[in-house]
Each structure stands twice: as structure tokens, then as C-alpha cells.
C-alpha atoms as a PDB file:
ATOM      1  CA  MET A   1      -4.569   1.773  27.236  1.00  0.00           C
ATOM      2  CA  ARG A   2      -5.027   0.834  30.746  1.00  0.00           C
ATOM      3  CA  ILE A   3      -3.495  -3.040  31.577  1.00  0.00           C
ATOM      4  CA  MET A   4      -4.849  -4.867  34.485  1.00  0.00           C
ATOM      5  CA  GLY A   5      -1.996  -7.663  35.044  1.00  0.00           C
ATOM      6  CA  ILE A   6      -3.195 -10.973  37.273  1.00  0.00           C
ATOM      7  CA  ASP A   7      -1.073 -12.936  38.849  1.00  0.00           C
ATOM      8  CA  PRO A   8      -3.778 -15.807  40.017  1.00  0.00           C
ATOM      9  CA  GLY A   9      -3.696 -17.543  43.241  1.00  0.00           C
ATOM     10  CA  TYR A  10      -6.046 -18.763  45.914  1.00  0.00           C
ATOM     11  CA  ALA A  11      -4.438 -17.199  49.033  1.00  0.00           C
ATOM     12  CA  ILE A  12      -2.736 -14.252  46.997  1.00  0.00           C
ATOM     13  CA  VAL A  13      -3.150 -12.536  43.950  1.00  0.00           C
ATOM     14  CA  GLY A  14      -0.705  -9.993  42.339  1.00  0.00           C
ATOM     15  CA  VAL A  15      -2.687  -7.387  41.076  1.00  0.00           C
ATOM     16  CA  GLY A  16      -0.880  -4.830  38.589  1.00  0.00           C
ATOM     17  CA  LEU A  17      -1.957  -1.744  36.784  1.00  0.00           C
ATOM     18  CA  VAL A  18      -0.169  -0.010  34.261  1.00  0.00           C
ATOM     19  CA  ASP A  19      -0.857   2.613  31.248  1.00  0.00           C
ATOM     20  CA  TYR A  20       0.726   2.092  27.994  1.00  0.00           C
ATOM     21  CA  ASP A  21       0.546   4.677  25.322  1.00  0.00           C
ATOM     22  CA  ASN A  22       2.554   2.451  22.743  1.00  0.00           C
ATOM     23  CA  VAL A  23       5.880   4.073  23.557  1.00  0.00           C
ATOM     24  CA  ARG A  24       6.140   3.836  27.538  1.00  0.00           C
ATOM     25  CA  PHE A  25       4.407   2.200  30.251  1.00  0.00           C
ATOM     26  CA  SER A  26       3.632   3.997  33.377  1.00  0.00           C
ATOM     27  CA  LEU A  27       2.584   2.237  36.655  1.00  0.00           C
ATOM     28  CA  VAL A  28      -0.945   3.242  38.139  1.00  0.00           C
ATOM     29  CA  GLU A  29      -1.029   0.190  40.978  1.00  0.00           C
ATOM     30  CA  TYR A  30       0.300  -2.666  42.669  1.00  0.00           C
ATOM     31  CA  GLY A  31      -0.984  -5.047  45.294  1.00  0.00           C
ATOM     32  CA  ALA A  32      -2.036  -8.002  45.922  1.00  0.00           C
ATOM     33  CA  ILE A  33      -5.342  -9.394  47.426  1.00  0.00           C
ATOM     34  CA  THR A  34      -5.174 -12.034  50.131  1.00  0.00           C
ATOM     35  CA  THR A  35      -7.469 -14.203  51.747  1.00  0.00           C
ATOM     36  CA  PRO A  36      -6.987 -15.976  55.237  1.00  0.00           C
ATOM     37  CA  ALA A  37      -5.850 -19.459  55.259  1.00  0.00           C
ATOM     38  CA  GLU A  38      -8.516 -20.541  57.947  1.00  0.00           C
ATOM     39  CA  LEU A  39     -11.458 -19.285  55.642  1.00  0.00           C
ATOM     40  CA  PRO A  40     -12.845 -22.236  53.472  1.00  0.00           C
ATOM     41  CA  LEU A  41     -12.323 -22.234  50.348  1.00  0.00           C
ATOM     42  CA  GLU A  42     -15.556 -21.168  48.405  1.00  0.00           C
ATOM     43  CA  THR A  43     -15.202 -18.174  51.065  1.00  0.00           C
ATOM     44  CA  ARG A  44     -11.688 -17.373  49.977  1.00  0.00           C
ATOM     45  CA  LEU A  45     -12.952 -17.472  46.180  1.00  0.00           C
ATOM     46  CA  ARG A  46     -15.889 -15.116  47.163  1.00  0.00           C
ATOM     47  CA  GLN A  47     -13.560 -12.320  48.697  1.00  0.00           C
ATOM     48  CA  LEU A  48     -11.704 -13.250  45.393  1.00  0.00           C
ATOM     49  CA  TYR A  49     -14.476 -12.362  43.160  1.00  0.00           C
ATOM     50  CA  ASP A  50     -15.627  -9.595  45.213  1.00  0.00           C
ATOM     51  CA  ASP A  51     -11.912  -8.042  45.157  1.00  0.00           C
ATOM     52  CA  MET A  52     -11.284  -8.229  41.773  1.00  0.00           C
ATOM     53  CA  ARG A  53     -14.755  -6.585  41.102  1.00  0.00           C
ATOM     54  CA  MET A  54     -14.337  -3.641  43.158  1.00  0.00           C
ATOM     55  CA  LEU A  55     -10.993  -3.205  41.301  1.00  0.00           C
ATOM     56  CA  LEU A  56     -12.266  -3.422  37.828  1.00  0.00           C
ATOM     57  CA  GLU A  57     -14.677  -0.788  39.051  1.00  0.00           C
ATOM     58  CA  GLN A  58     -12.541   1.413  40.611  1.00  0.00           C
ATOM     59  CA  TYR A  59      -9.801   1.518  37.827  1.00  0.00           C
ATOM     60  CA  ARG A  60     -11.788   0.613  34.596  1.00  0.00           C
ATOM     61  CA  PRO A  61      -8.972  -1.377  32.549  1.00  0.00           C
ATOM     62  CA  ASP A  62      -9.177  -1.564  29.150  1.00  0.00           C
ATOM     63  CA  ALA A  63      -7.988  -5.119  29.160  1.00  0.00           C
ATOM     64  CA  VAL A  64      -7.010  -7.798  31.422  1.00  0.00           C
ATOM     65  CA  ALA A  65      -3.837  -9.871  31.236  1.00  0.00           C
ATOM     66  CA  MET A  66      -3.678 -12.864  33.341  1.00  0.00           C
ATOM     67  CA  GLU A  67      -0.730 -15.785  33.384  1.00  0.00           C
ATOM     68  CA  GLN A  68      -2.025 -19.086  32.081  1.00  0.00           C
ATOM     69  CA  LEU A  69      -1.451 -22.063  34.892  1.00  0.00           C
ATOM     70  CA  PHE A  70       0.792 -24.838  34.792  1.00  0.00           C
ATOM     71  CA  PHE A  71       1.422 -27.230  37.176  1.00  0.00           C
ATOM     72  CA  THR A  72       3.468 -30.660  37.087  1.00  0.00           C
ATOM     73  CA  THR A  73       3.128 -31.579  41.118  1.00  0.00           C
ATOM     74  CA  ASN A  74       0.850 -30.596  43.692  1.00  0.00           C
ATOM     75  CA  ARG A  75      -2.624 -31.018  41.730  1.00  0.00           C
ATOM     76  CA  THR A  76      -4.874 -29.946  45.195  1.00  0.00           C
ATOM     77  CA  THR A  77      -3.438 -27.000  44.646  1.00  0.00           C
ATOM     78  CA  ALA A  78      -3.290 -26.569  41.056  1.00  0.00           C
ATOM     79  CA  ILE A  79      -7.315 -27.040  41.641  1.00  0.00           C
ATOM     80  CA  ALA A  80      -7.855 -24.722  44.176  1.00  0.00           C
ATOM     81  CA  VAL A  81      -5.725 -21.970  41.619  1.00  0.00           C
ATOM     82  CA  ALA A  82      -7.678 -23.085  38.699  1.00  0.00           C
ATOM     83  CA  GLU A  83     -10.771 -22.312  40.729  1.00  0.00           C
ATOM     84  CA  ALA A  84      -9.521 -18.849  41.565  1.00  0.00           C
ATOM     85  CA  ARG A  85      -8.682 -17.924  38.053  1.00  0.00           C
ATOM     86  CA  GLY A  86     -12.044 -19.099  37.305  1.00  0.00           C
ATOM     87  CA  VAL A  87     -13.463 -16.866  39.583  1.00  0.00           C
ATOM     88  CA  LEU A  88     -11.410 -14.319  38.292  1.00  0.00           C
ATOM     89  CA  LEU A  89     -12.086 -14.459  35.073  1.00  0.00           C
ATOM     90  CA  LEU A  90     -16.252 -14.213  35.612  1.00  0.00           C
ATOM     91  CA  ALA A  91     -15.522 -10.764  37.306  1.00  0.00           C
ATOM     92  CA  ALA A  92     -13.534  -9.482  34.563  1.00  0.00           C
ATOM     93  CA  GLU A  93     -16.541 -10.985  32.054  1.00  0.00           C
ATOM     94  CA  GLN A  94     -19.009  -9.552  33.945  1.00  0.00           C
ATOM     95  CA  GLN A  95     -17.565  -6.135  33.632  1.00  0.00           C
ATOM     96  CA  GLY A  96     -16.785  -6.392  30.157  1.00  0.00           C
ATOM     97  CA  VAL A  97     -13.179  -6.803  30.341  1.00  0.00           C
ATOM     98  CA  PRO A  98     -11.509  -8.443  27.685  1.00  0.00           C
ATOM     99  CA  VAL A  99      -9.094 -11.344  29.429  1.00  0.00           C
ATOM    100  CA  PHE A 100      -5.916 -12.359  27.697  1.00  0.00           C
ATOM    101  CA  SER A 101      -4.044 -15.263  28.785  1.00  0.00           C
ATOM    102  CA  TYR A 102       0.020 -15.101  28.490  1.00  0.00           C
ATOM    103  CA  THR A 103       2.312 -18.414  29.707  1.00  0.00           C
ATOM    104  CA  PRO A 104       5.042 -17.791  31.775  1.00  0.00           C
ATOM    105  CA  LEU A 105       7.769 -18.040  28.656  1.00  0.00           C
ATOM    106  CA  GLN A 106       5.475 -15.477  26.864  1.00  0.00           C
ATOM    107  CA  VAL A 107       5.664 -13.300  29.664  1.00  0.00           C
ATOM    108  CA  LYS A 108       9.235 -13.331  30.435  1.00  0.00           C
ATOM    109  CA  SER A 109      10.082 -13.056  26.228  1.00  0.00           C
ATOM    110  CA  ALA A 110       8.490  -9.987  26.221  1.00  0.00           C
ATOM    111  CA  VAL A 111       9.527  -8.228  29.162  1.00  0.00           C
ATOM    112  CA  VAL A 112      13.153  -9.664  29.103  1.00  0.00           C
ATOM    113  CA  GLY A 113      13.466 -10.693  25.657  1.00  0.00           C
ATOM    114  CA  TYR A 114      14.543 -14.393  26.769  1.00  0.00           C
ATOM    115  CA  GLY A 115      11.851 -16.931  27.296  1.00  0.00           C
ATOM    116  CA  LYS A 116      14.213 -18.776  29.787  1.00  0.00           C
ATOM    117  CA  ALA A 117      14.721 -15.885  31.672  1.00  0.00           C
ATOM    118  CA  GLU A 118      15.267 -16.225  35.701  1.00  0.00           C
ATOM    119  CA  LYS A 119      12.445 -14.711  38.154  1.00  0.00           C
ATOM    120  CA  GLU A 120      14.916 -12.153  39.377  1.00  0.00           C
ATOM    121  CA  GLN A 121      15.817 -10.830  35.925  1.00  0.00           C
ATOM    122  CA  VAL A 122      11.915 -10.579  34.974  1.00  0.00           C
ATOM    123  CA  MET A 123      11.605  -8.473  38.154  1.00  0.00           C
ATOM    124  CA  GLU A 124      14.323  -6.482  37.352  1.00  0.00           C
ATOM    125  CA  MET A 125      13.636  -5.300  34.251  1.00  0.00           C
ATOM    126  CA  THR A 126       9.581  -4.523  35.121  1.00  0.00           C
ATOM    127  CA  ARG A 127      11.538  -2.106  37.539  1.00  0.00           C
ATOM    128  CA  ARG A 128      13.218  -0.519  34.838  1.00  0.00           C
ATOM    129  CA  LEU A 129      10.338  -0.711  32.604  1.00  0.00           C
ATOM    130  CA  LEU A 130       8.259   0.940  34.932  1.00  0.00           C
ATOM    131  CA  ASN A 131      11.243   3.491  36.300  1.00  0.00           C
ATOM    132  CA  LEU A 132      10.790   2.498  39.787  1.00  0.00           C
ATOM    133  CA  ARG A 133      13.480   2.527  42.459  1.00  0.00           C
ATOM    134  CA  ALA A 134      12.962  -0.760  44.017  1.00  0.00           C
ATOM    135  CA  VAL A 135      11.103  -4.103  42.631  1.00  0.00           C
ATOM    136  CA  PRO A 136       7.715  -4.284  43.873  1.00  0.00           C
ATOM    137  CA  LYS A 137       6.639  -6.435  46.900  1.00  0.00           C
ATOM    138  CA  PRO A 138       4.896  -9.029  47.156  1.00  0.00           C
ATOM    139  CA  ASP A 139       6.331 -11.216  44.498  1.00  0.00           C
ATOM    140  CA  ASP A 140       2.797 -11.499  43.214  1.00  0.00           C
ATOM    141  CA  ALA A 141       2.276  -8.202  42.202  1.00  0.00           C
ATOM    142  CA  ALA A 142       5.802  -7.909  40.263  1.00  0.00           C
ATOM    143  CA  ASP A 143       4.369 -10.374  38.444  1.00  0.00           C
ATOM    144  CA  ALA A 144       1.354  -9.248  37.789  1.00  0.00           C
ATOM    145  CA  LEU A 145       2.858  -5.980  36.704  1.00  0.00           C
ATOM    146  CA  ALA A 146       4.960  -8.179  34.304  1.00  0.00           C
ATOM    147  CA  ILE A 147       2.103  -9.633  32.866  1.00  0.00           C
ATOM    148  CA  ALA A 148       0.281  -6.369  32.194  1.00  0.00           C
ATOM    149  CA  ILE A 149       3.921  -5.542  30.333  1.00  0.00           C
ATOM    150  CA  CYS A 150       3.721  -8.486  28.383  1.00  0.00           C
ATOM    151  CA  HIS A 151       0.347  -7.224  26.931  1.00  0.00           C
ATOM    152  CA  GLY A 152       1.187  -4.218  26.294  1.00  0.00           C
ATOM    153  CA  HIS A 153       4.674  -5.531  24.281  1.00  0.00           C
ATOM    154  CA  ASN A 154       1.810  -7.557  22.150  1.00  0.00           C
ATOM    155  CA  GLY A 155       0.275  -4.496  21.318  1.00  0.00           C
ATOM    156  CA  GLY A 156      -3.200  -5.920  22.336  1.00  0.00           C
ATOM    157  CA  SER A 157      -3.182  -7.615  19.182  1.00  0.00           C
ATOM    158  CA  ARG A 158      -4.120 -11.205  20.608  1.00  0.00           C
ATOM    159  CA  LEU A 159      -7.867 -12.170  20.576  1.00  0.00           C
ATOM    160  CA  PRO A 160      -8.910 -12.388  24.165  1.00  0.00           C
ATOM    161  CA  THR A 161      -9.391 -15.990  25.404  1.00  0.00           C
ATOM    162  CA  ALA A 162     -13.208 -15.923  24.873  1.00  0.00           C
ATOM    163  CA  ALA A 163     -12.504 -14.909  21.278  1.00  0.00           C
ATOM    164  CA  LEU A 164     -10.266 -17.747  20.981  1.00  0.00           C
ATOM    165  CA  ALA A 165     -12.653 -20.746  22.704  1.00  0.00           C
ATOM    166  CA  GLU A 166     -15.317 -18.917  19.908  1.00  0.00           C
ATOM    167  CA  ILE A 167     -12.752 -19.743  16.926  1.00  0.00           C
ATOM    168  CA  ARG A 168     -11.902 -22.933  18.270  1.00  0.00           C
ATOM    169  CA  GLY A 169     -15.046 -24.429  18.160  1.00  0.00           C
ATOM    170  CA  GLY A 170     -16.327 -23.739  21.814  1.00  0.00           C
ATOM    171  CA  ASN A 171     -19.650 -22.514  23.177  1.00  0.00           C
ATOM    172  CA  ARG A 172     -21.012 -19.113  21.402  1.00  0.00           C
ATOM    173  CA  ARG A 173     -23.364 -17.093  23.924  1.00  0.00           C
ATOM    174  CA  GLY A 174     -26.443 -17.857  23.404  1.00  0.00           C
ATOM    175  CA  LYS A 175     -26.022 -21.564  22.015  1.00  0.00           C
ATOM    176  CA  LYS A 176     -27.614 -24.464  23.560  1.00  0.00           C
ATOM    177  CA  ILE A 177     -24.925 -27.329  24.321  1.00  0.00           C
ATOM    178  CA  VAL A 178     -26.905 -30.567  23.782  1.00  0.00           C
ATOM    179  CA  TYR A 179     -25.256 -34.060  24.707  1.00  0.00           C
ATOM    180  CA  LYS A 180     -26.262 -37.219  22.414  1.00  0.00           C
ATOM    181  CA  GLU A 181     -25.396 -40.450  23.295  1.00  0.00           C
ATOM    182  CA  LYS A 182     -23.544 -42.370  21.188  1.00  0.00           C
ATOM    183  CA  LYS A 183     -25.485 -45.451  19.498  1.00  0.00           C
ATOM    184  CA  ALA A 184     -23.880 -48.798  20.314  1.00  0.00           C
END
């Protein structure tokens, strides 16, 4: 199974690809998509979309594993990162690749065995699991590889994000959403 891990962002998107045979992981590729800060957000989002689509076509992963967002302080940054995550989700959906979302706690638990592990512990275990000489750089790429490993350890048994939305009563393809006003 080829898994693409994604650490979403709008300035830097970490990307890590691993193959997993239910016994061991092997590194395919890792890196980052970057967008120049001087560009308007909409241009940066378009670049993220185009680059992600190209990577999906080139590497043809069986699944995309993406970190869920969690912000407590900077709402402006949170909104921009959420918009970037949406563009990345769209690129995967349009390529027909199922997307699985994981919380940071799930990633730490799957990679290190402890949900409150430090970032350095996750990076070191990622290095060991992939039999690398050094921790991958940038950190966003190392995070993306950890997210991919998390999905492999979960055996691909989780339902894709879109399937969960359907189970929870979300909109299904082709079903029209109708807004009805409540009567006073």
C-alpha cells in the first residue's frame, strides 16, 4: 500500500510517501510544497492545488493521510491553514484517492506508542521506522511521514473522511441540500 502523508499549511505543506506491506515501511519520497509569502492567499492556494495534483498523479498513492487541524490562539492563521487543507482535500478527491484524517494524538500514539510524546521523539521514531540516517528535513516533511506511518499502523481500516461524513448524515453525492426556513 502506498500512503501519502500530508502536514497541511499554506506557507509549507509537508509531504511524505511510504510503501507499507503490513510488516515494514519503506520510504518513497518526502519534501515540502512551499508558497512565497509575498503572493496573495488565493494564488498560494492555487499553487498548492496544482502541486498536490501533480504529486498525486506522479506517485499514485492508495491513500492520503492528513493531519486534522487544531488551533487555540491565532484565528487568522487557522483560517488560512484550513483553506489550504480544503484545497489539498479537493485535489485528492478529484484524483479519486481516499483521505483519512488523524489527530496529533493519534499520530503520536501510532508512531511512538504514547499520545503525549514530544515532537523529537516522533521524529526519531519516524527515522528509525524508515531506516534513515537522519531525521527528515524540513520538520513538516518529517511530520508528513509520521502521519503516513500512522495510517499504515491503523491498517487502512478506518473509513475515509468522506465516508464518515455520510455516516454522520452529511451530504451524499447527487443529493440536493434544501434550506427550509422555520416558521415563527
